[in-house]
């Protein structure tokens, strides 16, 4: 296999390593497992540093950008959007960071609102990938109150963040009530202070997702333990707002595999999503079939168009699942899949972002010190041109996804990140 060179910034982060977790594919669909390997880039895996330190290498500092509050039923964003400035401190010895948030409208600087969140990175079910992409599960995050303008309290907030480049990231915050109802989704498009913003992306559409995407995925499994509420919190009754999900600070197991994701549509109201995975040696991933938490076994959903004030907005409803998942097509080439109503059973969340054609941040290389290079015989079989979007087709679109899998609302199981190329 041909070797690819990482950017210097990515190499620096590569030495910091990546946390690990076990196999649960970052989709919750029915799986059809191919028996032959796919020619796609391999991920580099290394575990060397503490979780807060690795998280801070990319995510600390000041980020400026925009925030859009999205209706979880119609996928329509509230207008106008808000301008944001978020400063994240370096973690303390105990893994605690401060996030100072400033929010204002785009027309005025006189209506600024500020707030500070003190977040323990070891207490939010943090799942981290090598390039700074992460997800977490918060309680009562003040940042959401500022972004949504809500006067009511915030229950649970599930956060996803994708590192688009060295200077740009996109985040999605899912706000749940104490009864487990999805109230809002917040999309943030952020740039490191003083740097150029990312290339503008059109809103995500179902038509843009249709077809086949191939790539590789990294799944990190966390050791689950019984949830123990804090001393100043009562045990949850019917709702899910008081008992924190069980989790471990460091993941316990990692799986790297090749991924094939297919979106199809009948031209009417039915959309199908199919996911399949293969180990790098070409063997089918039996662990998927043995997965005790089969989410969204029915991968067919109903496509809806909502006529809003400024145009049409798309969503897909998977009402065959007990949690009534919704897939919302968002601005900036993003989409999110999340349960509308949390129940006592398993569920998954997923946030995805389309990338412009070309090389993709953090996903380009093999490093001799952390992975075994292919033999000359293997190199003669798989060439760079066999890898979608590399030398074969640099005009192909890319899709990055980050997801979280739960056994129940209080037990976080694993997180998955993947990069796929349109083929």
Protein backbone atom coordinates (compact mmCIF):
# COMPACT_ATOMS: atom_id res chain seq x y z
CA UNK A 1 0.00 0.00 0.00
CA UNK A 2 1.26 3.45 -0.81
CA UNK A 3 2.15 5.66 2.15
CA UNK A 4 0.73 9.11 2.75
CA UNK A 5 2.30 12.00 4.61
CA UNK A 6 0.43 13.69 7.43
CA UNK A 7 0.44 17.45 7.77
CA UNK A 8 2.91 18.68 10.45
CA UNK A 9 0.05 19.73 12.73
CA UNK A 10 -1.56 16.33 12.43
CA UNK A 11 1.77 14.59 13.10
CA UNK A 12 2.15 16.58 16.31
CA UNK A 13 -1.27 15.47 17.48
CA UNK A 14 -0.58 11.93 16.32
CA UNK A 15 2.16 11.63 18.93
CA UNK A 16 -0.44 12.44 21.56
CA UNK A 17 -2.38 9.31 20.67
CA UNK A 18 -6.04 8.48 20.65
CA UNK A 19 -8.41 7.05 23.22
CA UNK A 20 -9.92 3.64 22.55
CA UNK A 21 -13.31 1.89 22.77
CA UNK A 22 -14.98 -1.24 21.37
CA UNK A 23 -16.94 -2.19 18.35
CA UNK A 24 -20.34 -0.81 17.80
CA UNK A 25 -20.68 0.70 14.38
CA UNK A 26 -21.47 4.40 14.31
CA UNK A 27 -24.80 3.69 12.75
CA UNK A 28 -27.72 1.81 14.07
CA UNK A 29 -28.93 0.17 10.94
CA UNK A 30 -29.31 -3.35 9.62
CA UNK A 31 -25.88 -4.69 8.62
CA UNK A 32 -24.92 -6.60 5.48
CA UNK A 33 -21.30 -7.63 5.81
CA UNK A 34 -19.11 -7.93 2.72
CA UNK A 35 -16.59 -10.76 2.63
CA UNK A 36 -13.84 -8.85 0.82
CA UNK A 37 -11.77 -5.95 2.05
CA UNK A 38 -12.38 -2.42 0.80
CA UNK A 39 -9.43 -0.36 -0.43
CA UNK A 40 -9.58 2.61 1.93
CA UNK A 41 -7.09 4.56 4.10
CA UNK A 42 -6.20 3.05 7.47
CA UNK A 43 -6.53 4.97 10.71
CA UNK A 44 -3.53 5.51 12.96
CA UNK A 45 -4.03 4.45 16.58
CA UNK A 46 -1.81 5.25 19.55
CA UNK A 47 -2.57 5.72 23.26
CA UNK A 48 0.02 7.82 25.10
CA UNK A 49 -1.48 10.73 27.02
CA UNK A 50 -4.23 11.46 29.49
CA UNK A 51 -7.68 12.25 28.12
CA UNK A 52 -7.88 15.94 29.21
CA UNK A 53 -4.42 16.65 27.79
CA UNK A 54 -5.28 15.15 24.42
CA UNK A 55 -8.60 16.99 24.32
CA UNK A 56 -6.96 20.33 25.14
CA UNK A 57 -4.36 20.15 22.35
CA UNK A 58 -6.99 21.00 19.76
CA UNK A 59 -10.00 22.38 21.63
CA UNK A 60 -8.52 24.90 24.08
CA UNK A 61 -8.32 28.57 23.12
CA UNK A 62 -10.86 31.04 21.76
CA UNK A 63 -13.38 30.08 19.09
CA UNK A 64 -15.61 32.57 17.24
CA UNK A 65 -18.49 31.78 14.93
CA UNK A 66 -22.23 31.44 14.59
CA UNK A 67 -24.93 29.41 16.32
CA UNK A 68 -28.28 28.33 14.89
CA UNK A 69 -31.09 26.89 17.01
CA UNK A 70 -32.97 24.19 15.09
CA UNK A 71 -36.48 22.84 15.61
CA UNK A 72 -36.15 19.06 16.21
CA UNK A 73 -39.42 18.31 14.42
CA UNK A 74 -39.21 20.46 11.28
CA UNK A 75 -35.41 21.02 11.02
CA UNK A 76 -36.10 24.74 10.51
CA UNK A 77 -33.46 27.02 12.11
CA UNK A 78 -34.47 30.09 14.06
CA UNK A 79 -33.70 33.41 12.37
CA UNK A 80 -31.64 35.42 13.08
CA UNK A 81 -28.66 33.30 14.05
CA UNK A 82 -26.34 34.36 16.86
CA UNK A 83 -22.68 35.28 16.92
CA UNK A 84 -20.58 33.45 19.47
CA UNK A 85 -17.23 33.74 21.18
CA UNK A 86 -16.21 30.80 23.35
CA UNK A 87 -12.96 30.71 25.32
CA UNK A 88 -11.84 27.36 26.71
CA UNK A 89 -9.16 27.23 29.41
CA UNK A 90 -6.43 24.63 29.79
CA UNK A 91 -7.53 21.73 32.02
CA UNK A 92 -6.66 21.74 35.71
CA UNK A 93 -4.95 18.77 37.33
CA UNK A 94 -8.36 17.21 38.03
CA UNK A 95 -9.39 17.55 34.37
CA UNK A 96 -11.66 20.57 34.88
CA UNK A 97 -11.89 23.30 32.23
CA UNK A 98 -13.72 26.62 32.12
CA UNK A 99 -15.78 27.56 29.06
CA UNK A 100 -16.61 31.26 28.87
CA UNK A 101 -19.38 31.93 26.34
CA UNK A 102 -20.33 35.30 24.85
CA UNK A 103 -23.43 35.51 22.64
CA UNK A 104 -24.88 38.44 20.68
CA UNK A 105 -27.13 39.07 17.70
CA UNK A 106 -25.46 39.77 14.33
CA UNK A 107 -26.94 43.28 14.16
CA UNK A 108 -25.81 44.62 17.52
CA UNK A 109 -23.01 44.51 20.07
CA UNK A 110 -25.13 46.05 22.83
CA UNK A 111 -27.07 42.89 23.66
CA UNK A 112 -24.14 40.69 24.64
CA UNK A 113 -24.77 37.93 27.15
CA UNK A 114 -22.03 36.02 28.94
CA UNK A 115 -21.80 32.90 31.03
CA UNK A 116 -19.22 30.44 32.33
CA UNK A 117 -19.41 26.65 32.51
CA UNK A 118 -17.04 24.66 34.69
CA UNK A 119 -16.78 21.23 33.06
CA UNK A 120 -14.97 18.17 34.38
CA UNK A 121 -13.72 16.30 31.32
CA UNK A 122 -13.52 13.13 33.42
CA UNK A 123 -17.20 13.34 34.34
CA UNK A 124 -19.01 13.91 31.03
CA UNK A 125 -18.55 10.61 29.21
CA UNK A 126 -15.92 12.22 26.98
CA UNK A 127 -15.15 10.31 23.79
CA UNK A 128 -12.15 11.65 21.86
CA UNK A 129 -10.58 10.96 18.48
CA UNK A 130 -7.03 11.66 17.35
CA UNK A 131 -7.70 14.97 15.57
CA UNK A 132 -9.68 16.65 18.37
CA UNK A 133 -13.11 15.44 17.26
CA UNK A 134 -15.10 14.50 20.36
CA UNK A 135 -18.49 13.95 21.97
CA UNK A 136 -19.70 14.38 25.55
CA UNK A 137 -22.79 14.23 27.78
CA UNK A 138 -23.44 17.25 30.03
CA UNK A 139 -25.92 18.20 32.73
CA UNK A 140 -27.27 21.76 32.88
CA UNK A 141 -24.81 23.36 30.43
CA UNK A 142 -25.24 27.14 30.75
CA UNK A 143 -23.86 27.62 27.24
CA UNK A 144 -27.11 26.20 25.86
CA UNK A 145 -29.21 28.70 27.82
CA UNK A 146 -27.26 31.55 26.24
CA UNK A 147 -27.45 30.09 22.74
CA UNK A 148 -31.16 29.29 22.83
CA UNK A 149 -32.32 32.26 24.89
CA UNK A 150 -34.33 29.90 27.05
CA UNK A 151 -35.40 31.09 30.50
CA UNK A 152 -36.18 27.56 31.66
CA UNK A 153 -33.56 25.23 33.05
CA UNK A 154 -31.57 22.93 30.78
CA UNK A 155 -31.66 19.22 31.48
CA UNK A 156 -29.32 17.00 29.52
CA UNK A 157 -27.06 18.19 26.68
CA UNK A 158 -25.36 15.70 24.36
CA UNK A 159 -22.52 17.41 22.51
CA UNK A 160 -20.77 16.41 19.27
CA UNK A 161 -17.79 18.26 17.79
CA UNK A 162 -16.01 17.61 14.47
CA UNK A 163 -12.55 19.01 13.72
CA UNK A 164 -12.86 20.23 10.12
CA UNK A 165 -9.31 21.60 9.95
CA UNK A 166 -6.59 23.02 12.21
CA UNK A 167 -8.65 26.21 12.60
CA UNK A 168 -12.27 25.15 12.10
CA UNK A 169 -14.73 22.91 13.89
CA UNK A 170 -18.48 22.27 13.80
CA UNK A 171 -20.48 21.33 16.88
CA UNK A 172 -24.00 20.12 17.56
CA UNK A 173 -25.67 20.38 20.97
CA UNK A 174 -28.77 18.26 21.62
CA UNK A 175 -30.88 19.69 24.45
CA UNK A 176 -33.13 17.22 26.30
CA UNK A 177 -35.67 17.98 29.01
CA UNK A 178 -35.67 16.14 32.33
CA UNK A 179 -38.38 13.86 30.93
CA UNK A 180 -36.08 12.87 28.04
CA UNK A 181 -37.74 14.92 25.28
CA UNK A 182 -35.51 16.48 22.60
CA UNK A 183 -36.32 20.19 22.79
CA UNK A 184 -33.71 21.79 20.53
CA UNK A 185 -30.66 21.13 18.42
CA UNK A 186 -27.99 23.85 18.23
CA UNK A 187 -25.49 23.96 15.35
CA UNK A 188 -22.26 25.93 15.85
CA UNK A 189 -19.84 26.74 13.03
CA UNK A 190 -16.63 27.91 14.73
CA UNK A 191 -13.20 29.24 13.77
CA UNK A 192 -10.14 29.69 15.93
CA UNK A 193 -9.85 33.38 16.84
CA UNK A 194 -7.71 35.28 14.34
CA UNK A 195 -7.95 32.62 11.61
CA UNK A 196 -9.89 32.53 8.36
CA UNK A 197 -13.32 30.86 8.51
CA UNK A 198 -13.90 27.55 6.77
CA UNK A 199 -15.06 27.40 3.18
CA UNK A 200 -18.86 27.93 3.18
CA UNK A 201 -20.88 24.75 2.71
CA UNK A 202 -24.41 24.49 1.36
CA UNK A 203 -27.06 23.01 3.66
CA UNK A 204 -27.13 19.22 3.82
CA UNK A 205 -29.84 17.61 1.68
CA UNK A 206 -31.09 14.08 1.24
CA UNK A 207 -30.14 14.25 -2.44
CA UNK A 208 -26.59 15.15 -1.44
CA UNK A 209 -26.31 12.07 0.79
CA UNK A 210 -27.77 9.59 -1.70
CA UNK A 211 -25.43 6.93 -3.00
CA UNK A 212 -22.55 4.96 -1.53
CA UNK A 213 -19.87 6.23 0.85
CA UNK A 214 -16.75 4.19 1.69
CA UNK A 215 -14.10 4.80 4.28
CA UNK A 216 -12.78 3.72 7.64
CA UNK A 217 -14.08 4.00 11.17
CA UNK A 218 -12.70 3.93 14.70
CA UNK A 219 -14.91 2.69 17.53
CA UNK A 220 -13.89 3.21 21.16
CA UNK A 221 -15.65 1.18 23.83
CA UNK A 222 -15.85 2.58 27.36
CA UNK A 223 -16.10 0.41 30.46
CA UNK A 224 -19.61 0.77 31.85
CA UNK A 225 -20.22 0.97 35.57
CA UNK A 226 -23.32 1.51 37.67
CA UNK A 227 -24.50 5.11 37.72
CA UNK A 228 -23.92 6.87 41.05
CA UNK A 229 -25.65 10.23 41.52
CA UNK A 230 -23.75 13.05 43.18
CA UNK A 231 -24.41 13.76 46.84
CA UNK A 232 -26.44 16.87 46.02
CA UNK A 233 -28.55 15.11 43.39
CA UNK A 234 -31.55 12.90 44.01
CA UNK A 235 -31.93 9.63 42.14
CA UNK A 236 -33.91 10.02 38.94
CA UNK A 237 -37.50 8.86 38.85
CA UNK A 238 -39.26 8.89 35.51
CA UNK A 239 -37.00 11.52 34.00
CA UNK A 240 -33.38 11.33 32.90
CA UNK A 241 -32.09 14.66 34.13
CA UNK A 242 -30.60 13.84 37.52
CA UNK A 243 -28.68 10.56 37.27
CA UNK A 244 -25.53 10.90 35.22
CA UNK A 245 -24.73 8.25 32.62
CA UNK A 246 -22.17 5.68 33.72
CA UNK A 247 -18.84 5.97 31.98
CA UNK A 248 -15.10 5.66 32.41
CA UNK A 249 -12.65 8.47 31.75
CA UNK A 250 -10.43 6.34 29.54
CA UNK A 251 -11.81 3.95 26.93
CA UNK A 252 -11.10 0.26 27.34
CA UNK A 253 -10.96 -1.10 23.81
CA UNK A 254 -10.58 0.07 20.21
CA UNK A 255 -11.66 -1.36 16.87
CA UNK A 256 -10.64 -0.01 13.47
CA UNK A 257 -12.59 -1.22 10.46
CA UNK A 258 -13.62 -0.44 6.91
CA UNK A 259 -17.03 1.06 6.43
CA UNK A 260 -19.60 1.19 3.66
CA UNK A 261 -22.57 3.53 4.11
CA UNK A 262 -25.43 3.66 1.60
CA UNK A 263 -28.35 6.07 1.40
CA UNK A 264 -31.18 5.30 -1.02
CA UNK A 265 -34.57 6.88 -1.71
CA UNK A 266 -37.64 5.66 -3.58
CA UNK A 267 -38.40 9.13 -4.94
CA UNK A 268 -41.40 9.42 -2.64
CA UNK A 269 -41.34 9.40 1.14
CA UNK A 270 -39.19 6.35 1.98
CA UNK A 271 -35.46 6.63 2.65
CA UNK A 272 -33.20 3.67 3.46
CA UNK A 273 -29.86 3.76 5.23
CA UNK A 274 -27.58 0.71 5.19
CA UNK A 275 -24.28 0.23 6.99
CA UNK A 276 -21.72 -2.56 6.57
CA UNK A 277 -18.28 -3.11 8.06
CA UNK A 278 -15.24 -5.26 7.34
CA UNK A 279 -12.06 -5.89 9.31
CA UNK A 280 -8.80 -4.88 7.62
CA UNK A 281 -7.98 -8.52 6.91
CA UNK A 282 -11.24 -8.81 4.98
CA UNK A 283 -13.10 -10.83 7.64
CA UNK A 284 -16.69 -9.90 8.44
CA UNK A 285 -17.22 -8.14 11.76
CA UNK A 286 -19.04 -10.78 13.77
CA UNK A 287 -19.11 -8.44 16.74
CA UNK A 288 -21.75 -6.40 14.93
CA UNK A 289 -24.06 -9.40 14.77
CA UNK A 290 -23.50 -10.12 18.46
CA UNK A 291 -24.18 -6.52 19.44
CA UNK A 292 -26.64 -6.72 22.38
CA UNK A 293 -27.94 -3.20 21.67
CA UNK A 294 -29.32 -3.28 18.10
CA UNK A 295 -30.43 0.29 17.47
CA UNK A 296 -32.60 1.19 14.47
CA UNK A 297 -32.74 -2.38 13.16
CA UNK A 298 -35.19 -1.01 10.63
CA UNK A 299 -33.12 1.35 8.54
CA UNK A 300 -36.09 2.71 6.58
CA UNK A 301 -37.40 6.16 7.45
CA UNK A 302 -40.03 8.59 6.21
CA UNK A 303 -38.77 11.70 4.42
CA UNK A 304 -40.51 14.98 5.30
CA UNK A 305 -40.35 18.46 3.79
CA UNK A 306 -41.31 21.45 5.91
CA UNK A 307 -42.19 24.75 4.25
CA UNK A 308 -40.58 27.41 6.43
CA UNK A 309 -40.37 31.17 6.29
CA UNK A 310 -37.18 31.15 4.19
CA UNK A 311 -37.48 27.88 2.30
CA UNK A 312 -37.93 24.12 2.64
CA UNK A 313 -36.31 22.06 5.38
CA UNK A 314 -35.78 18.30 5.33
CA UNK A 315 -35.97 15.63 7.99
CA UNK A 316 -36.29 11.84 8.15
CA UNK A 317 -38.37 10.10 10.82
CA UNK A 318 -37.64 6.56 12.01
CA UNK A 319 -40.90 5.97 13.84
CA UNK A 320 -40.38 2.20 13.90
CA UNK A 321 -37.96 2.68 16.81
CA UNK A 322 -39.21 3.23 20.36
CA UNK A 323 -37.21 6.46 20.70
CA UNK A 324 -38.64 7.97 17.47
CA UNK A 325 -35.25 9.05 16.05
CA UNK A 326 -35.10 12.11 13.82
CA UNK A 327 -32.50 12.84 11.16
CA UNK A 328 -32.31 16.60 10.59
CA UNK A 329 -30.66 18.15 7.52
CA UNK A 330 -28.76 21.19 8.79
CA UNK A 331 -26.88 24.21 7.40
CA UNK A 332 -23.12 24.07 6.70
CA UNK A 333 -23.33 20.60 5.15
CA UNK A 334 -24.27 18.98 8.47
CA UNK A 335 -26.86 16.49 9.65
CA UNK A 336 -27.78 15.01 13.02
CA UNK A 337 -29.54 11.78 13.99
CA UNK A 338 -30.99 11.69 17.50
CA UNK A 339 -33.89 10.21 19.49
CA UNK A 340 -36.90 12.46 19.88
CA UNK A 341 -37.81 10.79 23.18
CA UNK A 342 -35.41 8.89 25.43
CA UNK A 343 -36.80 5.69 26.92
CA UNK A 344 -35.37 3.09 29.29
CA UNK A 345 -33.89 1.24 26.32
CA UNK A 346 -30.84 1.75 24.07
CA UNK A 347 -30.34 4.71 21.77
CA UNK A 348 -27.73 6.39 19.59
CA UNK A 349 -26.84 9.89 18.48
CA UNK A 350 -24.87 10.83 15.37
CA UNK A 351 -23.55 14.11 13.96
CA UNK A 352 -22.16 14.30 10.43
CA UNK A 353 -20.50 16.97 8.29
CA UNK A 354 -19.71 17.00 4.59
CA UNK A 355 -16.22 18.17 3.63
CA UNK A 356 -15.00 19.75 0.40
CA UNK A 357 -13.15 17.41 -2.00
CA UNK A 358 -9.46 16.84 -1.35
CA UNK A 359 -7.37 15.73 1.59
CA UNK A 360 -9.19 15.41 4.89
CA UNK A 361 -7.84 16.70 8.18
CA UNK A 362 -6.28 14.02 10.41
CA UNK A 363 -7.06 11.06 8.13
CA UNK A 364 -4.25 10.96 5.56
CA UNK A 365 -1.45 8.74 6.70
CA UNK A 366 0.36 5.71 7.96
CA UNK A 367 3.08 6.11 10.59
CA UNK A 368 5.78 3.47 10.80
CA UNK A 369 6.15 3.73 14.58
CA UNK A 370 2.52 3.01 15.41
CA UNK A 371 1.25 0.66 12.71
CA UNK A 372 2.70 -2.15 10.66
CA UNK A 373 3.44 -1.12 7.11
CA UNK A 374 2.29 -3.48 4.34
CA UNK A 375 4.75 -5.91 2.80
CA UNK A 376 6.06 -5.26 -0.73
CA UNK A 377 3.67 -7.94 -1.96
CA UNK A 378 0.72 -6.15 -0.35
CA UNK A 379 1.89 -2.81 -1.71
CA UNK A 380 1.81 -4.19 -5.22
CA UNK A 381 -1.82 -5.22 -4.78
CA UNK A 382 -3.32 -2.03 -3.36
CA UNK A 383 -2.31 1.21 -5.07
CA UNK A 384 -3.15 4.79 -4.19
CA UNK A 385 -5.54 4.98 -7.12
CA UNK A 386 -7.63 2.26 -5.44
CA UNK A 387 -8.45 4.59 -2.56
CA UNK A 388 -11.48 6.81 -3.24
CA UNK A 389 -10.68 10.50 -3.09
CA UNK A 390 -6.89 10.10 -2.88
CA UNK A 391 -4.94 9.99 -6.13
CA UNK A 392 -7.88 8.15 -7.68
CA UNK A 393 -10.44 10.97 -7.44
CA UNK A 394 -9.62 14.14 -5.56
CA UNK A 395 -12.95 15.64 -6.63
CA UNK A 396 -14.95 13.21 -4.48
CA UNK A 397 -16.91 14.59 -1.52
CA UNK A 398 -16.09 13.49 2.04
CA UNK A 399 -18.38 12.76 4.97
CA UNK A 400 -17.22 12.77 8.62
CA UNK A 401 -19.43 11.24 11.31
CA UNK A 402 -19.20 11.08 15.11
CA UNK A 403 -21.66 9.04 17.16
CA UNK A 404 -22.48 7.81 20.66
CA UNK A 405 -24.11 4.52 21.66
CA UNK A 406 -25.97 3.99 24.94
CA UNK A 407 -27.33 0.80 26.51
CA UNK A 408 -29.86 3.01 28.30
CA UNK A 409 -30.05 6.71 29.22
CA UNK A 410 -27.66 6.18 32.15
CA UNK A 411 -25.10 3.86 30.52
CA UNK A 412 -22.78 5.16 27.78
CA UNK A 413 -21.24 2.26 25.85
CA UNK A 414 -19.11 3.49 22.96
CA UNK A 415 -18.29 6.25 20.54
CA UNK A 416 -17.46 6.02 16.84
CA UNK A 417 -15.86 8.38 14.34
CA UNK A 418 -15.59 7.70 10.62
CA UNK A 419 -14.50 9.33 7.40
CA UNK A 420 -16.16 8.22 4.17
CA UNK A 421 -15.65 9.21 0.54
CA UNK A 422 -18.41 9.31 -2.07
CA UNK A 423 -17.90 6.61 -4.72
